[in-house]
């Protein structure tokens, strides 16, 4: 959703890869289930005033969230969490952190790329390749193991 003047409108995705399923961990599923229960209670209380748009996150009445309000609320939450930090992460910045952390943890690039909704792994590598430097040393170690194994097989006649 984006703001267009005074309206909140639904836009089309950047690419077909933008429409995707994302695997979630059990803790996130539990939080979403708790949120759904609260949302259902709110829907029951609102009765005919509820806008049934099938949204997971809504404005409290079933309607679309204002993207500017989401960004501002996130900024306030971050500021409350750590008021002394001068340069704070933005809501969109959490996306970049998510991708960077997954890559740094060794999650395969094609998995991260799909999770990010990138149309091609080259987009992920071009934008986030810097998150992979720790794997350079590992590549050297793996190469050494492979060569040593070949040498051993050659020497031992295997």
C-alpha atoms as a PDB file:
ATOM      1  CA  UNK A   1       0.000   0.000   0.000  1.00  0.00           C
ATOM      2  CA  UNK A   2       1.160   3.533  -0.709  1.00  0.00           C
ATOM      3  CA  UNK A   3      -0.194   6.973  -0.042  1.00  0.00           C
ATOM      4  CA  UNK A   4      -1.669   8.740  -3.074  1.00  0.00           C
ATOM      5  CA  UNK A   5      -2.759  12.142  -1.858  1.00  0.00           C
ATOM      6  CA  UNK A   6      -5.265  11.505   0.910  1.00  0.00           C
ATOM      7  CA  UNK A   7      -5.916   7.919  -0.175  1.00  0.00           C
ATOM      8  CA  UNK A   8      -4.125   4.687   0.735  1.00  0.00           C
ATOM      9  CA  UNK A   9      -4.010   2.571  -2.421  1.00  0.00           C
ATOM     10  CA  UNK A  10      -2.891  -0.932  -3.207  1.00  0.00           C
ATOM     11  CA  UNK A  11      -0.169  -1.079  -5.838  1.00  0.00           C
ATOM     12  CA  UNK A  12       1.004  -3.872  -8.081  1.00  0.00           C
ATOM     13  CA  UNK A  13       4.207  -5.692  -7.110  1.00  0.00           C
ATOM     14  CA  UNK A  14       7.523  -4.789  -8.744  1.00  0.00           C
ATOM     15  CA  UNK A  15       7.864  -8.280 -10.210  1.00  0.00           C
ATOM     16  CA  UNK A  16       6.241 -11.709 -10.188  1.00  0.00           C
ATOM     17  CA  UNK A  17       8.837 -12.716  -7.566  1.00  0.00           C
ATOM     18  CA  UNK A  18       7.308 -10.144  -5.202  1.00  0.00           C
ATOM     19  CA  UNK A  19       4.288 -12.425  -4.708  1.00  0.00           C
ATOM     20  CA  UNK A  20       5.717 -15.202  -2.572  1.00  0.00           C
ATOM     21  CA  UNK A  21       5.304 -17.407   0.441  1.00  0.00           C
ATOM     22  CA  UNK A  22       7.801 -16.880   3.247  1.00  0.00           C
ATOM     23  CA  UNK A  23       8.618 -19.556   5.801  1.00  0.00           C
ATOM     24  CA  UNK A  24       8.224 -18.331   9.374  1.00  0.00           C
ATOM     25  CA  UNK A  25       9.684 -19.641  12.610  1.00  0.00           C
ATOM     26  CA  UNK A  26       7.421 -21.027  15.381  1.00  0.00           C
ATOM     27  CA  UNK A  27       7.755 -17.902  17.573  1.00  0.00           C
ATOM     28  CA  UNK A  28       6.559 -15.662  14.749  1.00  0.00           C
ATOM     29  CA  UNK A  29       3.653 -18.018  14.033  1.00  0.00           C
ATOM     30  CA  UNK A  30       2.690 -17.854  17.723  1.00  0.00           C
ATOM     31  CA  UNK A  31       2.784 -14.035  17.691  1.00  0.00           C
ATOM     32  CA  UNK A  32       0.649 -13.939  14.542  1.00  0.00           C
ATOM     33  CA  UNK A  33      -1.847 -16.351  16.086  1.00  0.00           C
ATOM     34  CA  UNK A  34      -2.106 -14.127  19.191  1.00  0.00           C
ATOM     35  CA  UNK A  35      -2.587 -11.109  16.930  1.00  0.00           C
ATOM     36  CA  UNK A  36      -5.344 -12.942  14.999  1.00  0.00           C
ATOM     37  CA  UNK A  37      -7.225 -13.697  18.234  1.00  0.00           C
ATOM     38  CA  UNK A  38      -7.094 -10.031  19.293  1.00  0.00           C
ATOM     39  CA  UNK A  39      -8.112  -8.945  15.794  1.00  0.00           C
ATOM     40  CA  UNK A  40     -11.118 -11.290  15.822  1.00  0.00           C
ATOM     41  CA  UNK A  41     -12.242  -9.837  19.163  1.00  0.00           C
ATOM     42  CA  UNK A  42     -11.862  -6.317  17.769  1.00  0.00           C
ATOM     43  CA  UNK A  43     -13.837  -7.326  14.663  1.00  0.00           C
ATOM     44  CA  UNK A  44     -16.650  -8.702  16.839  1.00  0.00           C
ATOM     45  CA  UNK A  45     -16.768  -5.498  18.888  1.00  0.00           C
ATOM     46  CA  UNK A  46     -16.747  -3.286  15.784  1.00  0.00           C
ATOM     47  CA  UNK A  47     -19.556  -5.338  14.196  1.00  0.00           C
ATOM     48  CA  UNK A  48     -20.945  -3.502  11.156  1.00  0.00           C
ATOM     49  CA  UNK A  49     -18.251  -0.800  11.406  1.00  0.00           C
ATOM     50  CA  UNK A  50     -15.551  -3.332  10.540  1.00  0.00           C
ATOM     51  CA  UNK A  51     -14.086  -3.058   7.023  1.00  0.00           C
ATOM     52  CA  UNK A  52     -13.447  -6.671   6.060  1.00  0.00           C
ATOM     53  CA  UNK A  53     -10.409  -6.408   3.788  1.00  0.00           C
ATOM     54  CA  UNK A  54      -8.784  -9.663   4.916  1.00  0.00           C
ATOM     55  CA  UNK A  55      -5.711  -7.816   6.201  1.00  0.00           C
ATOM     56  CA  UNK A  56      -3.355  -9.304   8.763  1.00  0.00           C
ATOM     57  CA  UNK A  57      -2.419  -5.833   9.976  1.00  0.00           C
ATOM     58  CA  UNK A  58      -5.112  -3.186   9.842  1.00  0.00           C
ATOM     59  CA  UNK A  59      -5.953   0.242  11.194  1.00  0.00           C
ATOM     60  CA  UNK A  60      -7.995  -1.147  14.088  1.00  0.00           C
ATOM     61  CA  UNK A  61     -11.209  -1.141  12.044  1.00  0.00           C
ATOM     62  CA  UNK A  62     -10.173  -3.578   9.313  1.00  0.00           C
ATOM     63  CA  UNK A  63      -8.971  -0.828   6.987  1.00  0.00           C
ATOM     64  CA  UNK A  64      -5.608  -0.240   5.389  1.00  0.00           C
ATOM     65  CA  UNK A  65      -2.729   1.034   7.459  1.00  0.00           C
ATOM     66  CA  UNK A  66      -1.264   4.371   6.420  1.00  0.00           C
ATOM     67  CA  UNK A  67       2.372   3.662   5.404  1.00  0.00           C
ATOM     68  CA  UNK A  68       3.466   6.987   6.915  1.00  0.00           C
ATOM     69  CA  UNK A  69       1.857   6.078  10.248  1.00  0.00           C
ATOM     70  CA  UNK A  70       3.589   2.676  10.195  1.00  0.00           C
ATOM     71  CA  UNK A  71       6.972   4.325   9.584  1.00  0.00           C
ATOM     72  CA  UNK A  72       6.374   6.947  12.273  1.00  0.00           C
ATOM     73  CA  UNK A  73       5.167   4.379  14.823  1.00  0.00           C
ATOM     74  CA  UNK A  74       8.206   2.220  14.127  1.00  0.00           C
ATOM     75  CA  UNK A  75      10.539   5.230  14.538  1.00  0.00           C
ATOM     76  CA  UNK A  76       8.910   6.063  17.873  1.00  0.00           C
ATOM     77  CA  UNK A  77       9.231   2.466  19.090  1.00  0.00           C
ATOM     78  CA  UNK A  78      12.913   2.383  18.145  1.00  0.00           C
ATOM     79  CA  UNK A  79      13.515   5.732  19.858  1.00  0.00           C
ATOM     80  CA  UNK A  80      11.790   4.452  23.014  1.00  0.00           C
ATOM     81  CA  UNK A  81      13.891   1.304  22.920  1.00  0.00           C
ATOM     82  CA  UNK A  82      17.217   3.123  22.678  1.00  0.00           C
ATOM     83  CA  UNK A  83      16.822   6.889  23.098  1.00  0.00           C
ATOM     84  CA  UNK A  84      20.571   7.630  23.008  1.00  0.00           C
ATOM     85  CA  UNK A  85      21.180   6.179  19.540  1.00  0.00           C
ATOM     86  CA  UNK A  86      21.649   8.932  16.988  1.00  0.00           C
ATOM     87  CA  UNK A  87      21.264   6.921  13.758  1.00  0.00           C
ATOM     88  CA  UNK A  88      18.296   4.622  14.087  1.00  0.00           C
ATOM     89  CA  UNK A  89      17.071   1.898  11.783  1.00  0.00           C
ATOM     90  CA  UNK A  90      14.002   2.672   9.693  1.00  0.00           C
ATOM     91  CA  UNK A  91      11.122   0.290   9.101  1.00  0.00           C
ATOM     92  CA  UNK A  92      12.407  -0.371   5.571  1.00  0.00           C
ATOM     93  CA  UNK A  93      15.900  -0.771   7.027  1.00  0.00           C
ATOM     94  CA  UNK A  94      14.738  -3.913   8.822  1.00  0.00           C
ATOM     95  CA  UNK A  95      14.352  -5.526   5.391  1.00  0.00           C
ATOM     96  CA  UNK A  96      17.995  -4.791   4.575  1.00  0.00           C
ATOM     97  CA  UNK A  97      19.091  -6.061   7.987  1.00  0.00           C
ATOM     98  CA  UNK A  98      17.090  -9.254   7.522  1.00  0.00           C
ATOM     99  CA  UNK A  99      18.694  -9.994   4.158  1.00  0.00           C
ATOM    100  CA  UNK A 100      22.207  -9.082   5.338  1.00  0.00           C
ATOM    101  CA  UNK A 101      21.978 -11.197   8.485  1.00  0.00           C
ATOM    102  CA  UNK A 102      20.686 -14.240   6.598  1.00  0.00           C
ATOM    103  CA  UNK A 103      23.555 -13.994   4.113  1.00  0.00           C
ATOM    104  CA  UNK A 104      26.122 -13.486   6.886  1.00  0.00           C
ATOM    105  CA  UNK A 105      24.721 -16.592   8.626  1.00  0.00           C
ATOM    106  CA  UNK A 106      25.416 -18.634   5.515  1.00  0.00           C
ATOM    107  CA  UNK A 107      21.887 -19.048   4.189  1.00  0.00           C
ATOM    108  CA  UNK A 108      22.268 -19.824   0.466  1.00  0.00           C
ATOM    109  CA  UNK A 109      21.905 -16.780  -1.772  1.00  0.00           C
ATOM    110  CA  UNK A 110      19.104 -18.281  -3.851  1.00  0.00           C
ATOM    111  CA  UNK A 111      17.030 -18.860  -0.690  1.00  0.00           C
ATOM    112  CA  UNK A 112      17.610 -15.303   0.583  1.00  0.00           C
ATOM    113  CA  UNK A 113      16.893 -13.888  -2.869  1.00  0.00           C
ATOM    114  CA  UNK A 114      13.575 -15.704  -3.054  1.00  0.00           C
ATOM    115  CA  UNK A 115      12.679 -14.628   0.471  1.00  0.00           C
ATOM    116  CA  UNK A 116      13.467 -11.006  -0.433  1.00  0.00           C
ATOM    117  CA  UNK A 117      11.332 -11.211  -3.560  1.00  0.00           C
ATOM    118  CA  UNK A 118      14.216 -10.354  -5.845  1.00  0.00           C
ATOM    119  CA  UNK A 119      13.588 -11.246  -9.465  1.00  0.00           C
ATOM    120  CA  UNK A 120      17.046 -12.812  -9.779  1.00  0.00           C
ATOM    121  CA  UNK A 121      19.895 -13.797  -7.423  1.00  0.00           C
ATOM    122  CA  UNK A 122      22.093 -11.249  -9.185  1.00  0.00           C
ATOM    123  CA  UNK A 123      19.967  -8.495  -7.607  1.00  0.00           C
ATOM    124  CA  UNK A 124      20.704  -9.939  -4.164  1.00  0.00           C
ATOM    125  CA  UNK A 125      24.407 -10.396  -4.880  1.00  0.00           C
ATOM    126  CA  UNK A 126      24.809  -6.903  -6.347  1.00  0.00           C
ATOM    127  CA  UNK A 127      23.047  -5.259  -3.409  1.00  0.00           C
ATOM    128  CA  UNK A 128      24.190  -7.466  -0.514  1.00  0.00           C
ATOM    129  CA  UNK A 129      27.354  -9.211  -1.673  1.00  0.00           C
ATOM    130  CA  UNK A 130      29.297  -7.289   0.965  1.00  0.00           C
ATOM    131  CA  UNK A 131      27.543  -9.405   3.615  1.00  0.00           C
ATOM    132  CA  UNK A 132      29.450 -12.490   2.423  1.00  0.00           C
ATOM    133  CA  UNK A 133      33.130 -11.657   3.188  1.00  0.00           C
ATOM    134  CA  UNK A 134      33.382 -14.139   6.046  1.00  0.00           C
ATOM    135  CA  UNK A 135      32.790 -16.909   3.545  1.00  0.00           C
ATOM    136  CA  UNK A 136      35.936 -16.078   1.569  1.00  0.00           C
ATOM    137  CA  UNK A 137      38.128 -17.743   4.184  1.00  0.00           C
ATOM    138  CA  UNK A 138      35.781 -20.718   4.327  1.00  0.00           C
ATOM    139  CA  UNK A 139      36.075 -21.103   0.541  1.00  0.00           C
ATOM    140  CA  UNK A 140      39.862 -21.331   0.876  1.00  0.00           C
ATOM    141  CA  UNK A 141      39.550 -23.973   3.608  1.00  0.00           C
ATOM    142  CA  UNK A 142      37.068 -26.020   1.542  1.00  0.00           C
ATOM    143  CA  UNK A 143      39.371 -25.811  -1.497  1.00  0.00           C
ATOM    144  CA  UNK A 144      42.294 -27.015   0.592  1.00  0.00           C
ATOM    145  CA  UNK A 145      40.238 -29.967   1.881  1.00  0.00           C
ATOM    146  CA  UNK A 146      39.226 -30.932  -1.659  1.00  0.00           C
ATOM    147  CA  UNK A 147      42.777 -30.720  -2.995  1.00  0.00           C
ATOM    148  CA  UNK A 148      44.169 -32.629  -0.004  1.00  0.00           C
ATOM    149  CA  UNK A 149      41.559 -35.330  -0.528  1.00  0.00           C
ATOM    150  CA  UNK A 150      42.519 -35.631  -4.206  1.00  0.00           C
ATOM    151  CA  UNK A 151      46.222 -35.775  -3.313  1.00  0.00           C
ATOM    152  CA  UNK A 152      45.546 -38.465  -0.722  1.00  0.00           C
ATOM    153  CA  UNK A 153      43.549 -40.539  -3.201  1.00  0.00           C
ATOM    154  CA  UNK A 154      46.305 -40.191  -5.825  1.00  0.00           C
ATOM    155  CA  UNK A 155      49.065 -41.135  -3.387  1.00  0.00           C
ATOM    156  CA  UNK A 156      47.111 -44.048  -1.918  1.00  0.00           C
ATOM    157  CA  UNK A 157      45.992 -45.246  -5.335  1.00  0.00           C
ATOM    158  CA  UNK A 158      42.319 -44.517  -4.668  1.00  0.00           C
END
